């Protein structure tokens, strides 16, 4: 039987720190804030939160780095955070949120096993020609399978692994994968 580990995949402290309750409240608030920001059902990247906050740092958001765009690797990172919160709270809404992120990845995976990196989240159209290096997605899907014991995303993960081996591993073309890197 699988028993999830607490936040950060490290054993819980015993005895719990004096501020453990406050930390857990902050954790839930952060996760709930992300849940409140997700792209709506019906959009191409539904259930993923935006990469860029729509009002913060507006003076720095230029070119591909703007709130109208989405960097698709961010969903895997968020899904991992939801799994951390689920492990700590056992609240199924965070596990469900992680599963919905994976379902969106399944819908958006391209025939060759890859995903576009920068898109408009409503319609999924490319903003740049960059392709995501899917290592974060692969790790997220591995972890999700271990937590849920559901292997419905295994084929998608294997397709992404195969794409990675055929492309950046072979060509060494590890395209820029952070938002402050100019598209190449």
N, C-alpha and C. Protein backbone atom coordinates (compact mmCIF):
# COMPACT_ATOMS: atom_id res chain seq x y z
N UNK A 1 0.85 -1.18 0.00
CA UNK A 1 0.00 0.00 0.00
C UNK A 1 0.88 1.23 0.00
N UNK A 2 0.56 2.17 -0.89
CA UNK A 2 1.33 3.39 -1.00
C UNK A 2 0.94 4.36 0.10
N UNK A 3 1.92 4.90 0.79
CA UNK A 3 1.68 5.93 1.79
C UNK A 3 2.46 7.16 1.38
N UNK A 4 1.75 8.25 1.01
CA UNK A 4 2.47 9.44 0.57
C UNK A 4 3.31 10.02 1.71
N UNK A 5 4.44 10.61 1.33
CA UNK A 5 5.27 11.27 2.32
C UNK A 5 4.83 12.73 2.44
N UNK A 6 5.14 13.38 3.54
CA UNK A 6 4.76 14.78 3.73
C UNK A 6 5.42 15.70 2.71
N UNK A 7 5.07 16.98 2.77
CA UNK A 7 5.57 18.00 1.85
C UNK A 7 7.08 17.88 1.70
N UNK A 8 7.53 18.00 0.46
CA UNK A 8 8.94 17.96 0.17
C UNK A 8 9.53 16.56 0.12
N UNK A 9 8.69 15.52 0.24
CA UNK A 9 9.15 14.13 0.19
C UNK A 9 10.16 13.81 1.28
N UNK A 10 10.09 14.50 2.41
CA UNK A 10 10.96 14.20 3.53
C UNK A 10 10.09 13.80 4.70
N UNK A 11 10.64 13.01 5.61
CA UNK A 11 9.83 12.61 6.77
C UNK A 11 9.36 13.82 7.57
N UNK A 12 8.17 13.72 8.14
CA UNK A 12 7.64 14.79 8.97
C UNK A 12 8.48 14.92 10.22
N UNK A 13 8.58 16.12 10.73
CA UNK A 13 9.32 16.34 11.97
C UNK A 13 8.51 15.84 13.15
N UNK A 14 9.20 15.25 14.09
CA UNK A 14 8.53 14.79 15.29
C UNK A 14 9.39 15.16 16.48
N UNK A 15 8.89 15.95 17.37
CA UNK A 15 7.56 16.54 17.38
C UNK A 15 7.45 17.66 16.34
N UNK A 16 6.23 17.95 15.97
CA UNK A 16 5.98 19.00 14.98
C UNK A 16 6.47 20.35 15.51
N UNK A 17 7.01 21.20 14.63
CA UNK A 17 7.43 22.53 15.07
C UNK A 17 6.24 23.33 15.61
N UNK A 18 6.53 24.30 16.42
CA UNK A 18 5.47 25.11 17.04
C UNK A 18 4.62 25.82 16.00
N UNK A 19 5.20 26.15 14.85
CA UNK A 19 4.45 26.89 13.83
C UNK A 19 3.91 25.99 12.72
N UNK A 20 3.85 24.70 12.95
CA UNK A 20 3.40 23.75 11.91
C UNK A 20 1.99 24.07 11.44
N UNK A 21 1.10 24.41 12.33
CA UNK A 21 -0.28 24.71 11.95
C UNK A 21 -0.33 25.95 11.05
N UNK A 22 0.44 26.97 11.41
CA UNK A 22 0.48 28.18 10.58
C UNK A 22 1.07 27.88 9.21
N UNK A 23 2.11 27.07 9.17
CA UNK A 23 2.72 26.70 7.90
C UNK A 23 1.73 25.94 7.02
N UNK A 24 0.95 25.05 7.63
CA UNK A 24 -0.03 24.29 6.86
C UNK A 24 -1.12 25.22 6.33
N UNK A 25 -1.54 26.18 7.11
CA UNK A 25 -2.54 27.16 6.64
C UNK A 25 -1.99 27.95 5.46
N UNK A 26 -0.74 28.37 5.54
CA UNK A 26 -0.11 29.12 4.45
C UNK A 26 -0.01 28.25 3.20
N UNK A 27 0.32 26.98 3.39
CA UNK A 27 0.42 26.04 2.27
C UNK A 27 -0.92 25.92 1.56
N UNK A 28 -1.98 25.74 2.33
CA UNK A 28 -3.32 25.63 1.74
C UNK A 28 -3.71 26.93 1.02
N UNK A 29 -3.42 28.06 1.64
CA UNK A 29 -3.77 29.35 1.00
C UNK A 29 -3.06 29.49 -0.33
N UNK A 30 -1.78 29.13 -0.38
CA UNK A 30 -1.03 29.23 -1.64
C UNK A 30 -1.60 28.31 -2.70
N UNK A 31 -1.90 27.07 -2.33
CA UNK A 31 -2.46 26.12 -3.28
C UNK A 31 -3.85 26.57 -3.74
N UNK A 32 -4.65 27.07 -2.81
CA UNK A 32 -5.99 27.54 -3.17
C UNK A 32 -5.93 28.77 -4.08
N UNK A 33 -4.92 29.62 -3.87
CA UNK A 33 -4.74 30.78 -4.74
C UNK A 33 -4.44 30.32 -6.17
N UNK A 34 -3.56 29.33 -6.30
CA UNK A 34 -3.27 28.79 -7.63
C UNK A 34 -4.53 28.19 -8.26
N UNK A 35 -5.30 27.45 -7.47
CA UNK A 35 -6.54 26.86 -7.97
C UNK A 35 -7.52 27.93 -8.45
N UNK A 36 -7.54 29.06 -7.77
CA UNK A 36 -8.46 30.14 -8.14
C UNK A 36 -8.06 30.83 -9.44
N UNK A 37 -6.82 30.63 -9.87
CA UNK A 37 -6.32 31.31 -11.07
C UNK A 37 -6.31 30.43 -12.32
N UNK A 38 -6.68 29.17 -12.21
CA UNK A 38 -6.50 28.25 -13.35
C UNK A 38 -7.29 28.70 -14.57
N UNK A 39 -6.78 28.31 -15.72
CA UNK A 39 -7.49 28.56 -16.97
C UNK A 39 -8.77 27.73 -16.95
N UNK A 40 -9.87 28.29 -17.44
CA UNK A 40 -11.17 27.63 -17.29
C UNK A 40 -11.35 26.42 -18.20
N UNK A 41 -12.29 25.58 -17.79
CA UNK A 41 -12.71 24.43 -18.60
C UNK A 41 -13.06 24.95 -19.99
N UNK A 42 -12.67 24.24 -21.00
CA UNK A 42 -12.94 24.65 -22.37
C UNK A 42 -11.77 25.35 -23.02
N UNK A 43 -10.84 25.88 -22.24
CA UNK A 43 -9.65 26.48 -22.84
C UNK A 43 -8.65 25.36 -23.11
N UNK A 44 -7.74 25.60 -24.04
CA UNK A 44 -6.79 24.57 -24.43
C UNK A 44 -5.96 24.09 -23.24
N UNK A 45 -5.59 24.97 -22.34
CA UNK A 45 -4.76 24.62 -21.20
C UNK A 45 -5.56 24.72 -19.91
N UNK A 46 -6.79 24.23 -19.95
CA UNK A 46 -7.67 24.23 -18.78
C UNK A 46 -6.98 23.57 -17.59
N UNK A 47 -7.24 24.11 -16.42
CA UNK A 47 -6.79 23.58 -15.13
C UNK A 47 -5.32 23.87 -14.83
N UNK A 48 -4.62 24.54 -15.73
CA UNK A 48 -3.26 24.99 -15.46
C UNK A 48 -3.32 26.44 -15.00
N UNK A 49 -2.52 26.84 -14.01
CA UNK A 49 -2.50 28.25 -13.62
C UNK A 49 -1.60 29.05 -14.57
N UNK A 50 -1.82 30.34 -14.70
CA UNK A 50 -1.00 31.13 -15.61
C UNK A 50 0.45 31.18 -15.17
N UNK A 51 1.34 31.37 -16.12
CA UNK A 51 2.75 31.54 -15.82
C UNK A 51 3.01 32.92 -15.22
N UNK A 52 2.36 33.91 -15.78
CA UNK A 52 2.61 35.29 -15.39
C UNK A 52 1.37 35.87 -14.74
N UNK A 53 1.57 36.50 -13.59
CA UNK A 53 0.45 37.15 -12.90
C UNK A 53 -0.03 38.31 -13.77
N UNK A 54 -1.34 38.46 -13.92
CA UNK A 54 -1.86 39.48 -14.84
C UNK A 54 -1.61 40.92 -14.42
N UNK A 55 -1.26 41.18 -13.17
CA UNK A 55 -1.05 42.57 -12.75
C UNK A 55 0.32 42.84 -12.16
N UNK A 56 0.98 41.84 -11.65
CA UNK A 56 2.29 42.08 -11.03
C UNK A 56 3.39 42.15 -12.08
N UNK A 57 4.35 43.01 -11.87
CA UNK A 57 5.54 43.14 -12.71
C UNK A 57 5.22 43.46 -14.17
N UNK A 58 4.13 44.17 -14.41
CA UNK A 58 3.71 44.49 -15.78
C UNK A 58 4.82 45.22 -16.55
N UNK A 59 5.60 46.02 -15.87
CA UNK A 59 6.68 46.76 -16.54
C UNK A 59 7.78 45.85 -17.05
N UNK A 60 7.88 44.63 -16.54
CA UNK A 60 8.92 43.69 -16.97
C UNK A 60 8.42 42.70 -18.02
N UNK A 61 7.13 42.65 -18.24
CA UNK A 61 6.55 41.66 -19.15
C UNK A 61 6.57 42.18 -20.58
N UNK A 62 7.51 41.68 -21.35
CA UNK A 62 7.67 42.14 -22.74
C UNK A 62 7.80 40.92 -23.65
N UNK A 63 7.46 41.10 -24.92
CA UNK A 63 7.59 40.03 -25.89
C UNK A 63 6.79 38.81 -25.49
N UNK A 64 7.43 37.65 -25.49
CA UNK A 64 6.73 36.41 -25.16
C UNK A 64 6.41 36.32 -23.67
N UNK A 65 7.09 37.13 -22.84
CA UNK A 65 6.85 37.12 -21.39
C UNK A 65 5.73 38.08 -21.04
N UNK A 66 4.50 37.67 -21.27
CA UNK A 66 3.38 38.52 -20.87
C UNK A 66 2.23 37.65 -20.41
N UNK A 67 1.32 38.24 -19.63
CA UNK A 67 0.23 37.45 -19.04
C UNK A 67 -0.70 36.77 -20.05
N UNK A 68 -0.65 37.18 -21.31
CA UNK A 68 -1.50 36.55 -22.33
C UNK A 68 -0.92 35.21 -22.80
N UNK A 69 0.31 34.91 -22.41
CA UNK A 69 0.98 33.69 -22.84
C UNK A 69 1.14 32.71 -21.69
N UNK A 70 1.33 31.45 -22.03
CA UNK A 70 1.51 30.41 -21.03
C UNK A 70 2.72 29.57 -21.39
N UNK A 71 3.58 29.31 -20.40
CA UNK A 71 4.73 28.44 -20.57
C UNK A 71 4.31 27.07 -20.04
N UNK A 72 4.16 26.11 -20.92
CA UNK A 72 3.46 24.86 -20.62
C UNK A 72 4.16 23.95 -19.62
N UNK A 73 5.44 24.12 -19.39
CA UNK A 73 6.11 23.29 -18.38
C UNK A 73 5.69 23.66 -16.97
N UNK A 74 5.09 24.82 -16.79
CA UNK A 74 4.71 25.28 -15.45
C UNK A 74 3.62 24.41 -14.82
N UNK A 75 2.79 23.80 -15.61
CA UNK A 75 1.74 22.94 -15.05
C UNK A 75 2.30 21.76 -14.30
N UNK A 76 3.39 21.19 -14.79
CA UNK A 76 3.99 20.04 -14.12
C UNK A 76 4.55 20.45 -12.76
N UNK A 77 5.14 21.61 -12.70
CA UNK A 77 5.65 22.10 -11.42
C UNK A 77 4.49 22.33 -10.45
N UNK A 78 3.43 22.96 -10.92
CA UNK A 78 2.26 23.19 -10.08
C UNK A 78 1.64 21.87 -9.64
N UNK A 79 1.54 20.92 -10.55
CA UNK A 79 1.00 19.61 -10.21
C UNK A 79 1.79 18.95 -9.10
N UNK A 80 3.11 19.11 -9.13
CA UNK A 80 3.96 18.59 -8.06
C UNK A 80 3.66 19.27 -6.73
N UNK A 81 3.42 20.57 -6.77
CA UNK A 81 3.07 21.28 -5.54
C UNK A 81 1.74 20.77 -4.99
N UNK A 82 0.77 20.56 -5.88
CA UNK A 82 -0.51 20.03 -5.42
C UNK A 82 -0.33 18.66 -4.77
N UNK A 83 0.54 17.84 -5.34
CA UNK A 83 0.80 16.52 -4.74
C UNK A 83 1.45 16.66 -3.36
N UNK A 84 2.32 17.66 -3.20
CA UNK A 84 2.90 17.92 -1.88
C UNK A 84 1.81 18.29 -0.87
N UNK A 85 0.91 19.18 -1.28
CA UNK A 85 -0.14 19.62 -0.37
C UNK A 85 -1.09 18.46 -0.06
N UNK A 86 -1.38 17.65 -1.07
CA UNK A 86 -2.22 16.47 -0.83
C UNK A 86 -1.57 15.53 0.17
N UNK A 87 -0.27 15.29 0.02
CA UNK A 87 0.44 14.39 0.93
C UNK A 87 0.37 14.89 2.37
N UNK A 88 0.42 16.20 2.52
CA UNK A 88 0.42 16.78 3.87
C UNK A 88 -0.98 16.89 4.47
N UNK A 89 -2.00 17.07 3.62
CA UNK A 89 -3.35 17.35 4.14
C UNK A 89 -4.33 16.22 3.93
N UNK A 90 -4.06 15.36 2.97
CA UNK A 90 -4.99 14.29 2.54
C UNK A 90 -6.28 14.86 1.96
N UNK A 91 -6.27 16.14 1.59
CA UNK A 91 -7.44 16.78 0.99
C UNK A 91 -7.46 16.44 -0.50
N UNK A 92 -8.46 15.69 -0.93
CA UNK A 92 -8.54 15.18 -2.30
C UNK A 92 -8.62 16.27 -3.36
N UNK A 93 -9.02 17.49 -3.00
CA UNK A 93 -9.12 18.52 -4.03
C UNK A 93 -7.76 18.82 -4.65
N UNK A 94 -6.68 18.65 -3.89
CA UNK A 94 -5.35 18.90 -4.44
C UNK A 94 -4.90 17.74 -5.34
N UNK A 95 -5.23 16.53 -4.98
CA UNK A 95 -4.94 15.40 -5.84
C UNK A 95 -5.75 15.51 -7.13
N UNK A 96 -7.02 15.86 -7.01
CA UNK A 96 -7.86 16.05 -8.19
C UNK A 96 -7.30 17.13 -9.11
N UNK A 97 -6.78 18.20 -8.53
CA UNK A 97 -6.20 19.29 -9.33
C UNK A 97 -4.98 18.79 -10.09
N UNK A 98 -4.16 17.96 -9.46
CA UNK A 98 -2.99 17.40 -10.13
C UNK A 98 -3.41 16.49 -11.29
N UNK A 99 -4.44 15.69 -11.07
CA UNK A 99 -4.94 14.80 -12.13
C UNK A 99 -5.47 15.62 -13.30
N UNK A 100 -6.17 16.69 -13.02
CA UNK A 100 -6.70 17.53 -14.12
C UNK A 100 -5.57 18.16 -14.93
N UNK A 101 -4.49 18.52 -14.28
CA UNK A 101 -3.32 19.03 -15.02
C UNK A 101 -2.81 17.95 -15.97
N UNK A 102 -2.69 16.73 -15.49
CA UNK A 102 -2.22 15.62 -16.34
C UNK A 102 -3.19 15.37 -17.49
N UNK A 103 -4.47 15.45 -17.24
CA UNK A 103 -5.46 15.25 -18.30
C UNK A 103 -5.30 16.30 -19.40
N UNK A 104 -4.99 17.53 -19.01
CA UNK A 104 -4.76 18.57 -20.02
C UNK A 104 -3.50 18.28 -20.81
N UNK A 105 -2.45 17.84 -20.13
CA UNK A 105 -1.24 17.44 -20.88
C UNK A 105 -1.58 16.34 -21.88
N UNK A 106 -2.42 15.40 -21.50
CA UNK A 106 -2.79 14.32 -22.41
C UNK A 106 -3.50 14.87 -23.65
N UNK A 107 -4.36 15.84 -23.47
CA UNK A 107 -5.09 16.43 -24.61
C UNK A 107 -4.17 17.26 -25.51
N UNK A 108 -3.14 17.86 -24.93
CA UNK A 108 -2.29 18.78 -25.68
C UNK A 108 -1.01 18.16 -26.23
N UNK A 109 -0.73 16.91 -25.88
CA UNK A 109 0.49 16.28 -26.38
C UNK A 109 0.41 16.14 -27.89
N UNK A 110 1.47 16.51 -28.56
CA UNK A 110 1.50 16.41 -30.02
C UNK A 110 1.78 14.97 -30.44
N UNK A 111 1.51 14.69 -31.67
CA UNK A 111 1.66 13.34 -32.23
C UNK A 111 3.04 12.76 -31.97
N UNK A 112 4.08 13.61 -32.04
CA UNK A 112 5.45 13.12 -31.86
C UNK A 112 5.84 12.92 -30.40
N UNK A 113 4.95 13.26 -29.46
CA UNK A 113 5.23 13.08 -28.03
C UNK A 113 5.64 14.34 -27.32
N UNK A 114 5.74 15.45 -28.05
CA UNK A 114 6.19 16.71 -27.46
C UNK A 114 5.01 17.65 -27.16
N UNK A 115 5.35 18.77 -26.58
CA UNK A 115 4.40 19.86 -26.36
C UNK A 115 5.08 21.16 -26.78
N UNK A 116 4.30 22.10 -27.26
CA UNK A 116 4.82 23.44 -27.49
C UNK A 116 5.20 24.05 -26.14
N UNK A 117 6.15 24.97 -26.12
CA UNK A 117 6.57 25.57 -24.86
C UNK A 117 5.78 26.82 -24.52
N UNK A 118 5.67 27.76 -25.46
CA UNK A 118 4.92 29.00 -25.22
C UNK A 118 3.68 29.01 -26.09
N UNK A 119 2.54 29.19 -25.46
CA UNK A 119 1.26 29.15 -26.17
C UNK A 119 0.34 30.25 -25.65
N UNK A 120 -0.75 30.47 -26.39
CA UNK A 120 -1.85 31.24 -25.84
C UNK A 120 -2.76 30.20 -25.18
N UNK A 121 -3.07 30.36 -23.90
CA UNK A 121 -3.75 29.30 -23.17
C UNK A 121 -5.18 29.01 -23.61
N UNK A 122 -5.84 29.99 -24.18
CA UNK A 122 -7.22 29.76 -24.58
C UNK A 122 -7.33 28.82 -25.76
N UNK A 123 -6.48 29.01 -26.78
CA UNK A 123 -6.58 28.19 -27.99
C UNK A 123 -5.39 27.27 -28.21
N UNK A 124 -4.34 27.40 -27.41
CA UNK A 124 -3.18 26.53 -27.52
C UNK A 124 -2.25 26.84 -28.68
N UNK A 125 -2.46 27.96 -29.37
CA UNK A 125 -1.61 28.30 -30.51
C UNK A 125 -0.22 28.73 -30.04
N UNK A 126 0.77 28.39 -30.87
CA UNK A 126 2.16 28.68 -30.54
C UNK A 126 2.43 30.19 -30.51
N UNK A 127 3.18 30.62 -29.51
CA UNK A 127 3.66 31.99 -29.43
C UNK A 127 5.08 32.06 -29.98
N UNK A 128 5.85 31.00 -29.75
CA UNK A 128 7.21 30.86 -30.29
C UNK A 128 7.32 29.47 -30.91
N UNK A 129 8.44 29.22 -31.55
CA UNK A 129 8.66 27.90 -32.15
C UNK A 129 9.26 26.91 -31.16
N UNK A 130 9.51 27.34 -29.95
CA UNK A 130 10.15 26.46 -28.96
C UNK A 130 9.27 25.27 -28.61
N UNK A 131 9.94 24.15 -28.41
CA UNK A 131 9.28 22.93 -27.96
C UNK A 131 9.74 22.68 -26.52
N UNK A 132 8.83 22.24 -25.68
CA UNK A 132 9.17 21.98 -24.28
C UNK A 132 10.07 20.77 -24.17
N UNK A 133 11.10 20.88 -23.36
CA UNK A 133 11.88 19.71 -22.94
C UNK A 133 11.09 19.12 -21.78
N UNK A 134 10.46 17.98 -21.96
CA UNK A 134 9.43 17.52 -21.03
C UNK A 134 9.90 16.80 -19.78
N UNK A 135 11.11 17.06 -19.32
CA UNK A 135 11.59 16.33 -18.16
C UNK A 135 10.73 16.59 -16.92
N UNK A 136 10.26 17.83 -16.72
CA UNK A 136 9.38 18.11 -15.57
C UNK A 136 8.06 17.36 -15.69
N UNK A 137 7.52 17.30 -16.88
CA UNK A 137 6.26 16.58 -17.09
C UNK A 137 6.45 15.09 -16.83
N UNK A 138 7.54 14.54 -17.31
CA UNK A 138 7.82 13.12 -17.11
C UNK A 138 7.92 12.80 -15.61
N UNK A 139 8.66 13.62 -14.87
CA UNK A 139 8.78 13.43 -13.42
C UNK A 139 7.43 13.55 -12.73
N UNK A 140 6.65 14.56 -13.12
CA UNK A 140 5.32 14.76 -12.53
C UNK A 140 4.43 13.55 -12.78
N UNK A 141 4.43 13.04 -14.00
CA UNK A 141 3.58 11.88 -14.33
C UNK A 141 4.03 10.63 -13.59
N UNK A 142 5.34 10.46 -13.42
CA UNK A 142 5.85 9.34 -12.61
C UNK A 142 5.31 9.43 -11.19
N UNK A 143 5.44 10.60 -10.62
CA UNK A 143 4.99 10.78 -9.24
C UNK A 143 3.48 10.62 -9.11
N UNK A 144 2.75 11.16 -10.05
CA UNK A 144 1.29 11.04 -10.02
C UNK A 144 0.87 9.57 -10.05
N UNK A 145 1.53 8.77 -10.87
CA UNK A 145 1.22 7.34 -10.94
C UNK A 145 1.51 6.64 -9.61
N UNK A 146 2.60 7.02 -8.97
CA UNK A 146 2.91 6.41 -7.67
C UNK A 146 1.88 6.78 -6.61
N UNK A 147 1.41 8.02 -6.64
CA UNK A 147 0.44 8.47 -5.63
C UNK A 147 -0.94 7.88 -5.87
N UNK A 148 -1.38 7.86 -7.12
CA UNK A 148 -2.75 7.43 -7.43
C UNK A 148 -2.85 5.93 -7.70
N UNK A 149 -1.73 5.29 -8.01
CA UNK A 149 -1.71 3.90 -8.47
C UNK A 149 -2.52 3.73 -9.75
N UNK A 150 -2.71 4.83 -10.47
CA UNK A 150 -3.43 4.87 -11.73
C UNK A 150 -2.39 5.08 -12.83
N UNK A 151 -2.37 4.19 -13.78
CA UNK A 151 -1.34 4.25 -14.82
C UNK A 151 -1.87 4.71 -16.18
N UNK A 152 -2.96 5.43 -16.17
CA UNK A 152 -3.54 5.87 -17.44
C UNK A 152 -2.69 6.89 -18.19
N UNK A 153 -1.74 7.53 -17.50
CA UNK A 153 -0.89 8.51 -18.17
C UNK A 153 0.47 7.91 -18.56
N UNK A 154 0.67 6.63 -18.33
CA UNK A 154 1.96 6.00 -18.63
C UNK A 154 2.31 6.08 -20.12
N UNK A 155 1.35 5.86 -20.99
CA UNK A 155 1.64 5.91 -22.44
C UNK A 155 2.06 7.31 -22.85
N UNK A 156 1.41 8.32 -22.30
CA UNK A 156 1.79 9.71 -22.60
C UNK A 156 3.21 9.98 -22.11
N UNK A 157 3.52 9.52 -20.90
CA UNK A 157 4.85 9.72 -20.34
C UNK A 157 5.89 9.03 -21.22
N UNK A 158 5.62 7.78 -21.61
CA UNK A 158 6.57 7.03 -22.45
C UNK A 158 6.78 7.70 -23.80
N UNK A 159 5.72 8.27 -24.35
CA UNK A 159 5.82 8.99 -25.62
C UNK A 159 6.73 10.22 -25.45
N UNK A 160 6.62 10.90 -24.31
CA UNK A 160 7.46 12.05 -24.03
C UNK A 160 8.92 11.64 -23.82
N UNK A 161 9.13 10.52 -23.15
CA UNK A 161 10.49 10.00 -22.95
C UNK A 161 11.10 9.67 -24.32
N UNK A 162 10.35 9.00 -25.16
CA UNK A 162 10.85 8.62 -26.49
C UNK A 162 11.19 9.87 -27.31
N UNK A 163 10.33 10.89 -27.25
CA UNK A 163 10.60 12.14 -27.97
C UNK A 163 11.90 12.76 -27.46
N UNK A 164 12.08 12.78 -26.14
CA UNK A 164 13.28 13.37 -25.54
C UNK A 164 14.54 12.63 -26.00
N UNK A 165 14.47 11.30 -26.04
CA UNK A 165 15.62 10.52 -26.48
C UNK A 165 15.92 10.73 -27.96
N UNK A 166 14.87 10.88 -28.78
CA UNK A 166 15.06 11.10 -30.22
C UNK A 166 15.52 12.51 -30.55
N UNK A 167 15.25 13.45 -29.69
CA UNK A 167 15.50 14.85 -30.01
C UNK A 167 16.60 15.47 -29.16
N UNK A 168 16.30 16.14 -28.03
CA UNK A 168 17.39 16.85 -27.35
C UNK A 168 18.53 15.96 -26.86
N UNK A 169 18.25 14.72 -26.48
CA UNK A 169 19.34 13.85 -26.04
C UNK A 169 20.27 13.55 -27.21
N UNK A 170 19.70 13.33 -28.39
CA UNK A 170 20.50 13.01 -29.58
C UNK A 170 21.13 14.25 -30.21
N UNK A 171 20.35 15.35 -30.26
CA UNK A 171 20.81 16.55 -30.99
C UNK A 171 21.51 17.57 -30.10
N UNK A 172 21.37 17.44 -28.81
CA UNK A 172 21.88 18.42 -27.84
C UNK A 172 21.19 19.77 -27.98
N UNK A 173 20.05 19.81 -28.61
CA UNK A 173 19.29 21.06 -28.75
C UNK A 173 18.31 21.18 -27.59
N UNK A 174 18.85 21.54 -26.43
CA UNK A 174 18.02 21.75 -25.23
C UNK A 174 17.61 23.21 -25.26
N UNK A 175 16.50 23.49 -25.93
CA UNK A 175 16.05 24.87 -26.10
C UNK A 175 15.81 25.53 -24.74
N UNK A 176 15.95 26.86 -24.73
CA UNK A 176 15.71 27.63 -23.51
C UNK A 176 14.36 27.29 -22.91
N UNK A 177 14.33 27.00 -21.62
CA UNK A 177 13.10 26.55 -20.97
C UNK A 177 12.70 27.44 -19.80
N UNK A 178 13.27 28.60 -19.69
CA UNK A 178 12.89 29.54 -18.65
C UNK A 178 12.39 30.81 -19.30
N UNK A 179 11.48 31.47 -18.63
CA UNK A 179 10.79 32.58 -19.28
C UNK A 179 11.67 33.78 -19.60
N UNK A 180 12.81 33.91 -18.97
CA UNK A 180 13.65 35.07 -19.28
C UNK A 180 14.69 34.76 -20.34
N UNK A 181 14.58 33.61 -21.00
CA UNK A 181 15.46 33.27 -22.11
C UNK A 181 14.76 33.65 -23.40
N UNK A 182 15.46 34.38 -24.23
CA UNK A 182 14.90 34.76 -25.51
C UNK A 182 14.59 33.50 -26.34
N UNK A 183 13.44 33.44 -27.00
CA UNK A 183 13.13 32.26 -27.81
C UNK A 183 14.21 32.02 -28.87
N UNK A 184 14.64 30.77 -29.01
CA UNK A 184 15.68 30.41 -29.99
C UNK A 184 15.14 29.33 -30.92
